[in-house]
Structure formats: structure tokens, C-alpha cells
Amino acid sequence: MSRQVRPDDLPRSPFYLLPAMAKPENPALARIGNAELIRQHFGYWPSFHDAEITKVIFEANPGYWPSATFSLNISTKKTHTLADAGSETNTSCTLELLFTDIQELEFADFSHQNVLYDLVIEESASNIKCTFDSSAGLDAVIVAREVRVLSLTSLAQ
């Protein structure tokens, strides 16, 4: 026999109120230029689980270190609190991330579909290390001096 859950039955931990895709704030995120565009759009920093990498552009630059731009399609819905009757907002978007002064790069298995399991961002000495952990297609690790959000375009209708 099923039992109806009441608001008083829910855990009182503040983490219960976080969206399902949210993660605790990572100090390396403070080094990403224009990161506030992502936080403003989603209301938190997402995990990028099930985001799809649709395009990667590599560029040779004057000097020694190259750059790369990754385009990701992110399809998510933001579930609101019980007070909002469990309503959802479509937060789907296209995101472009620019990695400049790439120090190290591993890039394998780019395919017709490149779905992320997770995007791990961490500090690596004076650089930022981004690991694109795939559930299908592309696996990549980039160590760059700078990461910047170039654009975020909402796909919500």
C-alpha cells in the first residue's frame, strides 16, 4: 500500500532543496570567465550530465599555445519547490566554452553523438583542468590557462 508523502515528512537538510543536477560549489569555478551566465540561467552550477557536445573547434594562435571552443547542448528542466506545485521550467540551452593557452590535451572517440556523463572542473597548479567524462562518444581532458563562457543561448520555448 502506498503512502502519501507530506511536506513535514521530507528531510530538513538544506541539500534537499538543491536541484537534482546541482553540485556543491567548486572553487575552480571562480576562475571561469563569465561563469555567472551559467548560474543565472540554471540558478546553480549544473553537472552537465546528459549534455551533448555538438561541435569542437581547434585554433592555432600566434605564440605557442592553441585554443579550443566546445559547443554543448544542455537539455534540462528545473523543478520548483512544493510551494510552486512541482512546476517545471525548461532551462535547455546551447553553451560555448573557450579554452585558451591549452597546456595538455587528450581527445578521443568524437562521434555522431557525444553525450557527457559528467564535466569535472578542477585546478591544476596555475591552470584549469576539465575532464569531459563521456557516456557515449567523446572523452577529453583539457588543461588550459583560461576557460571562459563565450555564449549561452536559451532554447526554451
N, C-alpha and C. Protein backbone atom coordinates (compact mmCIF):
# COMPACT_ATOMS: atom_id res chain seq x y z
N MET A 1 0.84 -1.18 0.00
CA MET A 1 0.00 0.00 0.00
C MET A 1 0.89 1.24 0.00
N SER A 2 0.62 2.16 -0.91
CA SER A 2 1.44 3.37 -0.99
C SER A 2 0.98 4.39 0.04
N ARG A 3 1.93 5.19 0.49
CA ARG A 3 1.65 6.20 1.49
C ARG A 3 1.94 7.56 0.87
N GLN A 4 1.06 8.51 1.10
CA GLN A 4 1.25 9.85 0.58
C GLN A 4 2.31 10.58 1.40
N VAL A 5 3.23 11.24 0.71
CA VAL A 5 4.29 11.99 1.37
C VAL A 5 3.81 13.42 1.59
N ARG A 6 3.95 13.88 2.82
CA ARG A 6 3.58 15.25 3.17
C ARG A 6 4.85 16.08 3.32
N PRO A 7 4.76 17.41 3.16
CA PRO A 7 5.95 18.25 3.31
C PRO A 7 6.67 18.04 4.64
N ASP A 8 5.94 17.78 5.72
CA ASP A 8 6.58 17.56 7.03
C ASP A 8 7.40 16.28 7.06
N ASP A 9 7.13 15.35 6.13
CA ASP A 9 7.86 14.08 6.09
C ASP A 9 9.21 14.21 5.40
N LEU A 10 9.44 15.31 4.68
CA LEU A 10 10.65 15.47 3.89
C LEU A 10 11.83 15.80 4.79
N PRO A 11 13.04 15.38 4.40
CA PRO A 11 14.22 15.70 5.20
C PRO A 11 14.39 17.21 5.34
N ARG A 12 14.94 17.63 6.44
CA ARG A 12 15.10 19.06 6.71
C ARG A 12 16.48 19.58 6.29
N SER A 13 17.32 18.72 5.75
CA SER A 13 18.63 19.15 5.30
C SER A 13 18.50 20.19 4.20
N PRO A 14 19.31 21.25 4.22
CA PRO A 14 19.23 22.26 3.15
C PRO A 14 19.60 21.67 1.79
N PHE A 15 20.34 20.55 1.75
CA PHE A 15 20.70 19.94 0.47
C PHE A 15 19.48 19.34 -0.22
N TYR A 16 18.41 19.07 0.52
CA TYR A 16 17.19 18.57 -0.10
C TYR A 16 16.62 19.60 -1.06
N LEU A 17 16.85 20.87 -0.78
CA LEU A 17 16.29 21.94 -1.60
C LEU A 17 17.08 22.20 -2.87
N LEU A 18 18.28 21.62 -3.00
CA LEU A 18 19.06 21.82 -4.21
C LEU A 18 18.43 21.07 -5.37
N PRO A 19 18.49 21.63 -6.58
CA PRO A 19 18.01 20.90 -7.74
C PRO A 19 18.79 19.60 -7.91
N ALA A 20 18.17 18.62 -8.53
CA ALA A 20 18.77 17.30 -8.68
C ALA A 20 20.12 17.36 -9.39
N MET A 21 20.29 18.28 -10.31
CA MET A 21 21.52 18.34 -11.08
C MET A 21 22.58 19.24 -10.44
N ALA A 22 22.28 19.84 -9.31
CA ALA A 22 23.21 20.78 -8.68
C ALA A 22 24.31 20.04 -7.94
N LYS A 23 25.46 20.70 -7.85
CA LYS A 23 26.58 20.17 -7.09
C LYS A 23 27.04 21.25 -6.11
N PRO A 24 27.69 20.86 -5.02
CA PRO A 24 28.27 21.88 -4.15
C PRO A 24 29.27 22.73 -4.94
N GLU A 25 29.39 23.99 -4.59
CA GLU A 25 30.25 24.92 -5.35
C GLU A 25 31.71 24.49 -5.30
N ASN A 26 32.35 24.49 -6.44
CA ASN A 26 33.73 24.09 -6.63
C ASN A 26 34.57 25.37 -6.74
N PRO A 27 35.66 25.51 -5.96
CA PRO A 27 36.46 26.73 -6.02
C PRO A 27 37.06 27.01 -7.40
N ALA A 28 37.30 26.00 -8.21
CA ALA A 28 37.85 26.20 -9.55
C ALA A 28 36.88 26.96 -10.45
N LEU A 29 35.59 26.90 -10.14
CA LEU A 29 34.59 27.59 -10.97
C LEU A 29 34.76 29.10 -10.93
N ALA A 30 35.33 29.61 -9.85
CA ALA A 30 35.55 31.06 -9.73
C ALA A 30 36.54 31.56 -10.77
N ARG A 31 37.32 30.67 -11.35
CA ARG A 31 38.32 31.05 -12.35
C ARG A 31 37.77 31.02 -13.77
N ILE A 32 36.53 30.60 -13.95
CA ILE A 32 35.93 30.53 -15.28
C ILE A 32 35.29 31.88 -15.60
N GLY A 33 35.76 32.50 -16.67
CA GLY A 33 35.23 33.79 -17.08
C GLY A 33 33.77 33.68 -17.51
N ASN A 34 32.97 34.62 -17.11
CA ASN A 34 31.53 34.67 -17.43
C ASN A 34 30.73 33.49 -16.88
N ALA A 35 31.24 32.82 -15.85
CA ALA A 35 30.53 31.68 -15.26
C ALA A 35 29.17 32.08 -14.72
N GLU A 36 29.01 33.37 -14.39
CA GLU A 36 27.73 33.84 -13.85
C GLU A 36 26.60 33.65 -14.87
N LEU A 37 26.91 33.60 -16.17
CA LEU A 37 25.87 33.35 -17.17
C LEU A 37 25.21 31.98 -16.95
N ILE A 38 26.02 31.00 -16.58
CA ILE A 38 25.50 29.65 -16.33
C ILE A 38 24.67 29.64 -15.06
N ARG A 39 25.20 30.26 -13.99
CA ARG A 39 24.46 30.30 -12.72
C ARG A 39 23.15 31.06 -12.86
N GLN A 40 23.15 32.16 -13.61
CA GLN A 40 21.92 32.93 -13.80
C GLN A 40 20.89 32.13 -14.58
N HIS A 41 21.34 31.40 -15.58
CA HIS A 41 20.41 30.65 -16.41
C HIS A 41 19.77 29.48 -15.65
N PHE A 42 20.61 28.69 -14.96
CA PHE A 42 20.12 27.50 -14.27
C PHE A 42 19.73 27.77 -12.82
N GLY A 43 20.29 28.80 -12.21
CA GLY A 43 20.06 29.06 -10.80
C GLY A 43 21.07 28.34 -9.92
N TYR A 44 22.01 27.63 -10.52
CA TYR A 44 23.04 26.85 -9.83
C TYR A 44 24.04 26.41 -10.89
N TRP A 45 25.12 25.76 -10.48
CA TRP A 45 26.09 25.21 -11.43
C TRP A 45 25.69 23.76 -11.70
N PRO A 46 25.31 23.41 -12.93
CA PRO A 46 24.83 22.06 -13.23
C PRO A 46 25.97 21.04 -13.34
N SER A 47 25.62 19.77 -13.37
CA SER A 47 26.61 18.70 -13.52
C SER A 47 26.95 18.43 -14.98
N PHE A 48 26.11 18.91 -15.90
CA PHE A 48 26.26 18.68 -17.33
C PHE A 48 25.99 17.23 -17.71
N HIS A 49 25.38 16.46 -16.80
CA HIS A 49 25.00 15.08 -17.09
C HIS A 49 24.01 15.08 -18.26
N ASP A 50 24.28 14.29 -19.26
CA ASP A 50 23.48 14.15 -20.49
C ASP A 50 23.58 15.34 -21.43
N ALA A 51 24.47 16.29 -21.17
CA ALA A 51 24.72 17.35 -22.16
C ALA A 51 25.39 16.71 -23.36
N GLU A 52 25.15 17.28 -24.54
CA GLU A 52 25.74 16.72 -25.76
C GLU A 52 26.71 17.72 -26.37
N ILE A 53 27.93 17.26 -26.62
CA ILE A 53 28.92 18.08 -27.31
C ILE A 53 28.64 17.96 -28.80
N THR A 54 28.29 19.07 -29.43
CA THR A 54 27.90 19.04 -30.85
C THR A 54 28.99 19.56 -31.78
N LYS A 55 29.93 20.33 -31.24
CA LYS A 55 30.97 20.89 -32.10
C LYS A 55 32.19 21.23 -31.26
N VAL A 56 33.38 20.99 -31.84
CA VAL A 56 34.64 21.39 -31.22
C VAL A 56 35.48 22.05 -32.31
N ILE A 57 35.99 23.24 -32.01
CA ILE A 57 36.84 23.97 -32.96
C ILE A 57 38.20 24.18 -32.30
N PHE A 58 39.25 23.71 -32.97
CA PHE A 58 40.62 23.92 -32.51
C PHE A 58 41.24 25.05 -33.31
N GLU A 59 41.98 25.92 -32.63
CA GLU A 59 42.61 27.05 -33.31
C GLU A 59 44.08 27.17 -32.91
N ALA A 60 44.93 27.35 -33.92
CA ALA A 60 46.33 27.68 -33.67
C ALA A 60 46.38 29.19 -33.46
N ASN A 61 47.14 29.61 -32.48
CA ASN A 61 47.23 31.04 -32.16
C ASN A 61 48.66 31.52 -32.31
N PRO A 62 48.86 32.83 -32.53
CA PRO A 62 50.22 33.36 -32.51
C PRO A 62 50.85 33.03 -31.16
N GLY A 63 52.09 32.68 -31.17
CA GLY A 63 52.72 32.21 -29.93
C GLY A 63 52.72 30.70 -29.93
N TYR A 64 52.64 30.11 -28.77
CA TYR A 64 52.85 28.66 -28.68
C TYR A 64 51.59 27.86 -28.37
N TRP A 65 50.66 28.39 -27.59
CA TRP A 65 49.57 27.59 -27.06
C TRP A 65 48.28 27.74 -27.87
N PRO A 66 47.64 26.63 -28.25
CA PRO A 66 46.38 26.67 -29.02
C PRO A 66 45.17 26.93 -28.13
N SER A 67 44.02 27.07 -28.78
CA SER A 67 42.75 27.21 -28.06
C SER A 67 41.73 26.27 -28.68
N ALA A 68 40.64 26.04 -27.95
CA ALA A 68 39.55 25.18 -28.44
C ALA A 68 38.23 25.71 -27.91
N THR A 69 37.21 25.65 -28.76
CA THR A 69 35.86 26.03 -28.37
C THR A 69 34.97 24.80 -28.44
N PHE A 70 34.28 24.52 -27.34
CA PHE A 70 33.36 23.39 -27.26
C PHE A 70 31.93 23.93 -27.23
N SER A 71 31.07 23.41 -28.10
CA SER A 71 29.64 23.75 -28.09
C SER A 71 28.88 22.59 -27.48
N LEU A 72 28.05 22.89 -26.48
CA LEU A 72 27.27 21.86 -25.79
C LEU A 72 25.80 22.21 -25.84
N ASN A 73 24.97 21.22 -26.11
CA ASN A 73 23.52 21.36 -25.96
C ASN A 73 23.15 20.74 -24.63
N ILE A 74 22.47 21.52 -23.80
CA ILE A 74 22.09 21.06 -22.47
C ILE A 74 20.57 21.08 -22.40
N SER A 75 19.97 19.91 -22.20
CA SER A 75 18.50 19.80 -22.11
C SER A 75 18.13 19.44 -20.69
N THR A 76 17.58 20.40 -19.98
CA THR A 76 17.16 20.15 -18.60
C THR A 76 15.86 20.87 -18.31
N LYS A 77 15.25 20.44 -17.25
CA LYS A 77 14.07 21.13 -16.72
C LYS A 77 14.35 21.39 -15.25
N LYS A 78 14.05 22.58 -14.81
CA LYS A 78 14.25 22.96 -13.41
C LYS A 78 12.94 22.73 -12.68
N THR A 79 12.96 21.84 -11.68
CA THR A 79 11.78 21.55 -10.89
C THR A 79 11.72 22.53 -9.73
N HIS A 80 10.58 23.14 -9.54
CA HIS A 80 10.41 24.12 -8.48
C HIS A 80 9.96 23.45 -7.19
N THR A 81 9.90 24.19 -6.12
CA THR A 81 9.57 23.66 -4.80
C THR A 81 8.11 23.23 -4.72
N LEU A 82 7.77 22.57 -3.65
CA LEU A 82 6.39 22.13 -3.43
C LEU A 82 5.43 23.31 -3.40
N ALA A 83 5.90 24.47 -2.94
CA ALA A 83 5.04 25.66 -2.90
C ALA A 83 4.60 26.08 -4.29
N ASP A 84 5.41 25.75 -5.30
CA ASP A 84 5.06 26.06 -6.69
C ASP A 84 4.33 24.89 -7.35
N ALA A 85 3.82 23.98 -6.55
CA ALA A 85 3.06 22.81 -7.01
C ALA A 85 3.88 21.93 -7.95
N GLY A 86 5.19 21.85 -7.73
CA GLY A 86 6.02 20.96 -8.53
C GLY A 86 6.13 21.37 -9.98
N SER A 87 5.96 22.64 -10.29
CA SER A 87 6.04 23.09 -11.68
C SER A 87 7.48 23.00 -12.19
N GLU A 88 7.63 23.01 -13.51
CA GLU A 88 8.95 22.92 -14.12
C GLU A 88 9.17 24.07 -15.09
N THR A 89 10.42 24.47 -15.22
CA THR A 89 10.81 25.48 -16.20
C THR A 89 11.84 24.84 -17.11
N ASN A 90 11.67 25.01 -18.42
CA ASN A 90 12.63 24.48 -19.38
C ASN A 90 13.88 25.36 -19.35
N THR A 91 15.03 24.78 -19.01
CA THR A 91 16.27 25.54 -18.96
C THR A 91 17.25 25.07 -20.04
N SER A 92 16.75 24.45 -21.10
CA SER A 92 17.62 23.96 -22.17
C SER A 92 18.34 25.13 -22.84
N CYS A 93 19.60 24.87 -23.23
CA CYS A 93 20.40 25.94 -23.84
C CYS A 93 21.54 25.35 -24.66
N THR A 94 22.16 26.22 -25.44
CA THR A 94 23.42 25.91 -26.10
C THR A 94 24.49 26.75 -25.43
N LEU A 95 25.58 26.11 -25.05
CA LEU A 95 26.66 26.74 -24.31
C LEU A 95 27.95 26.61 -25.10
N GLU A 96 28.72 27.69 -25.19
CA GLU A 96 30.04 27.65 -25.81
C GLU A 96 31.09 27.97 -24.76
N LEU A 97 32.04 27.03 -24.60
CA LEU A 97 33.16 27.20 -23.67
C LEU A 97 34.45 27.34 -24.46
N LEU A 98 35.23 28.37 -24.16
CA LEU A 98 36.50 28.61 -24.82
C LEU A 98 37.64 28.28 -23.86
N PHE A 99 38.55 27.42 -24.31
CA PHE A 99 39.74 27.05 -23.55
C PHE A 99 40.93 27.69 -24.25
N THR A 100 41.67 28.56 -23.57
CA THR A 100 42.81 29.24 -24.19
C THR A 100 44.11 28.84 -23.50
N ASP A 101 45.18 28.95 -24.26
CA ASP A 101 46.51 28.55 -23.78
C ASP A 101 46.49 27.11 -23.28
N ILE A 102 46.08 26.19 -24.16
CA ILE A 102 45.98 24.77 -23.80
C ILE A 102 47.38 24.21 -23.57
N GLN A 103 47.59 23.66 -22.38
CA GLN A 103 48.88 23.08 -21.99
C GLN A 103 48.92 21.58 -22.27
N GLU A 104 47.79 20.91 -22.07
CA GLU A 104 47.68 19.46 -22.30
C GLU A 104 46.31 19.18 -22.90
N LEU A 105 46.27 18.15 -23.76
CA LEU A 105 45.00 17.80 -24.39
C LEU A 105 44.96 16.31 -24.68
N GLU A 106 43.90 15.67 -24.24
CA GLU A 106 43.57 14.29 -24.64
C GLU A 106 42.20 14.37 -25.28
N PHE A 107 42.07 13.78 -26.46
CA PHE A 107 40.83 13.92 -27.23
C PHE A 107 40.62 12.60 -27.97
N ALA A 108 39.54 11.88 -27.66
CA ALA A 108 39.33 10.57 -28.29
C ALA A 108 37.84 10.29 -28.49
N ASP A 109 37.56 9.56 -29.54
CA ASP A 109 36.23 8.99 -29.81
C ASP A 109 35.15 10.00 -30.14
N PHE A 110 35.50 11.15 -30.75
CA PHE A 110 34.46 12.08 -31.20
C PHE A 110 33.62 11.35 -32.24
N SER A 111 32.31 11.42 -32.09
CA SER A 111 31.41 10.61 -32.91
C SER A 111 30.19 11.42 -33.33
N HIS A 112 29.20 10.73 -33.90
CA HIS A 112 27.96 11.39 -34.31
C HIS A 112 27.14 11.84 -33.11
N GLN A 113 27.40 11.23 -31.95
CA GLN A 113 26.73 11.62 -30.72
C GLN A 113 27.74 11.56 -29.59
N ASN A 114 27.86 12.66 -28.84
CA ASN A 114 28.87 12.79 -27.79
C ASN A 114 28.19 13.27 -26.51
N VAL A 115 27.77 12.32 -25.70
CA VAL A 115 26.96 12.62 -24.52
C VAL A 115 27.83 12.53 -23.26
N LEU A 116 27.75 13.56 -22.43
CA LEU A 116 28.53 13.60 -21.20
C LEU A 116 27.84 12.85 -20.07
N TYR A 117 28.63 12.17 -19.30
CA TYR A 117 28.17 11.65 -18.02
C TYR A 117 28.41 12.73 -16.97
N ASP A 118 29.56 13.40 -17.08
CA ASP A 118 29.92 14.44 -16.12
C ASP A 118 30.98 15.35 -16.73
N LEU A 119 31.03 16.57 -16.27
CA LEU A 119 32.10 17.51 -16.61
C LEU A 119 32.77 17.88 -15.30
N VAL A 120 34.02 17.44 -15.15
CA VAL A 120 34.76 17.68 -13.91
C VAL A 120 35.73 18.84 -14.14
N ILE A 121 35.62 19.87 -13.32
CA ILE A 121 36.47 21.05 -13.43
C ILE A 121 37.25 21.18 -12.13
N GLU A 122 38.59 21.28 -12.26
CA GLU A 122 39.43 21.38 -11.07
C GLU A 122 40.66 22.22 -11.38
N GLU A 123 41.28 22.72 -10.33
CA GLU A 123 42.51 23.47 -10.50
C GLU A 123 43.67 22.50 -10.64
N SER A 124 44.61 22.84 -11.51
CA SER A 124 45.81 22.03 -11.73
C SER A 124 46.98 23.00 -11.78
N ALA A 125 47.63 23.20 -10.64
CA ALA A 125 48.66 24.23 -10.48
C ALA A 125 48.05 25.57 -10.83
N SER A 126 48.61 26.31 -11.78
CA SER A 126 48.05 27.61 -12.14
C SER A 126 47.04 27.50 -13.29
N ASN A 127 46.71 26.28 -13.68
CA ASN A 127 45.80 26.04 -14.80
C ASN A 127 44.45 25.51 -14.31
N ILE A 128 43.55 25.32 -15.27
CA ILE A 128 42.25 24.70 -15.01
C ILE A 128 42.20 23.42 -15.81
N LYS A 129 41.84 22.33 -15.15
CA LYS A 129 41.73 21.03 -15.81
C LYS A 129 40.25 20.68 -15.94
N CYS A 130 39.83 20.38 -17.16
CA CYS A 130 38.44 19.98 -17.43
C CYS A 130 38.44 18.58 -18.01
N THR A 131 37.71 17.70 -17.36
CA THR A 131 37.58 16.33 -17.83
C THR A 131 36.16 16.12 -18.33
N PHE A 132 36.03 15.84 -19.61
CA PHE A 132 34.74 15.53 -20.22
C PHE A 132 34.57 14.02 -20.13
N ASP A 133 33.84 13.57 -19.11
CA ASP A 133 33.62 12.15 -18.85
C ASP A 133 32.39 11.72 -19.63
N SER A 134 32.58 10.86 -20.60
CA SER A 134 31.54 10.53 -21.57
C SER A 134 30.72 9.32 -21.18
N SER A 135 29.45 9.35 -21.55
CA SER A 135 28.65 8.13 -21.52
C SER A 135 28.50 7.58 -22.93
N ALA A 136 28.77 8.42 -23.95
CA ALA A 136 28.79 7.99 -25.36
C ALA A 136 29.62 8.98 -26.15
N GLY A 137 30.53 8.46 -26.96
CA GLY A 137 31.32 9.33 -27.83
C GLY A 137 32.53 9.93 -27.14
N LEU A 138 32.72 11.23 -27.32
CA LEU A 138 33.94 11.94 -26.95
C LEU A 138 34.33 11.80 -25.48
N ASP A 139 35.59 11.46 -25.28
CA ASP A 139 36.25 11.56 -23.98
C ASP A 139 37.37 12.57 -24.17
N ALA A 140 37.46 13.55 -23.29
CA ALA A 140 38.50 14.57 -23.43
C ALA A 140 38.96 15.07 -22.08
N VAL A 141 40.23 15.45 -22.03
CA VAL A 141 40.81 16.12 -20.87
C VAL A 141 41.58 17.31 -21.42
N ILE A 142 41.31 18.49 -20.88
CA ILE A 142 41.99 19.71 -21.31
C ILE A 142 42.55 20.41 -20.08
N VAL A 143 43.83 20.76 -20.16
CA VAL A 143 44.44 21.60 -19.14
C VAL A 143 44.79 22.91 -19.83
N ALA A 144 44.16 24.00 -19.39
CA ALA A 144 44.33 25.30 -20.04
C ALA A 144 44.56 26.39 -19.00
N ARG A 145 45.17 27.46 -19.43
CA ARG A 145 45.38 28.59 -18.52
C ARG A 145 44.10 29.33 -18.23
N GLU A 146 43.18 29.33 -19.21
CA GLU A 146 41.94 30.09 -19.05
C GLU A 146 40.77 29.34 -19.67
N VAL A 147 39.62 29.40 -18.99
CA VAL A 147 38.36 28.88 -19.52
C VAL A 147 37.35 30.01 -19.40
N ARG A 148 36.58 30.21 -20.48
CA ARG A 148 35.61 31.30 -20.48
C ARG A 148 34.33 30.85 -21.17
N VAL A 149 33.20 31.27 -20.62
CA VAL A 149 31.91 31.06 -21.28
C VAL A 149 31.81 32.12 -22.37
N LEU A 150 31.79 31.67 -23.63
CA LEU A 150 31.66 32.61 -24.76
C LEU A 150 30.22 33.04 -24.95
N SER A 151 29.30 32.05 -24.84
CA SER A 151 27.89 32.38 -25.02
C SER A 151 27.02 31.31 -24.38
N LEU A 152 25.81 31.71 -24.03
CA LEU A 152 24.78 30.80 -23.55
C LEU A 152 23.48 31.28 -24.20
N THR A 153 22.91 30.41 -25.04
CA THR A 153 21.69 30.75 -25.77
C THR A 153 20.57 29.85 -25.31
N SER A 154 19.52 30.43 -24.76
CA SER A 154 18.39 29.65 -24.26
C SER A 154 17.64 29.01 -25.42
N LEU A 155 17.24 27.75 -25.23
CA LEU A 155 16.44 27.04 -26.22
C LEU A 155 15.01 26.86 -25.74
N ALA A 156 14.68 27.49 -24.61
CA ALA A 156 13.34 27.37 -24.02
C ALA A 156 12.31 27.98 -24.96
N GLN A 157 11.13 27.34 -24.99
CA GLN A 157 10.05 27.83 -25.85
C GLN A 157 8.91 28.32 -25.02
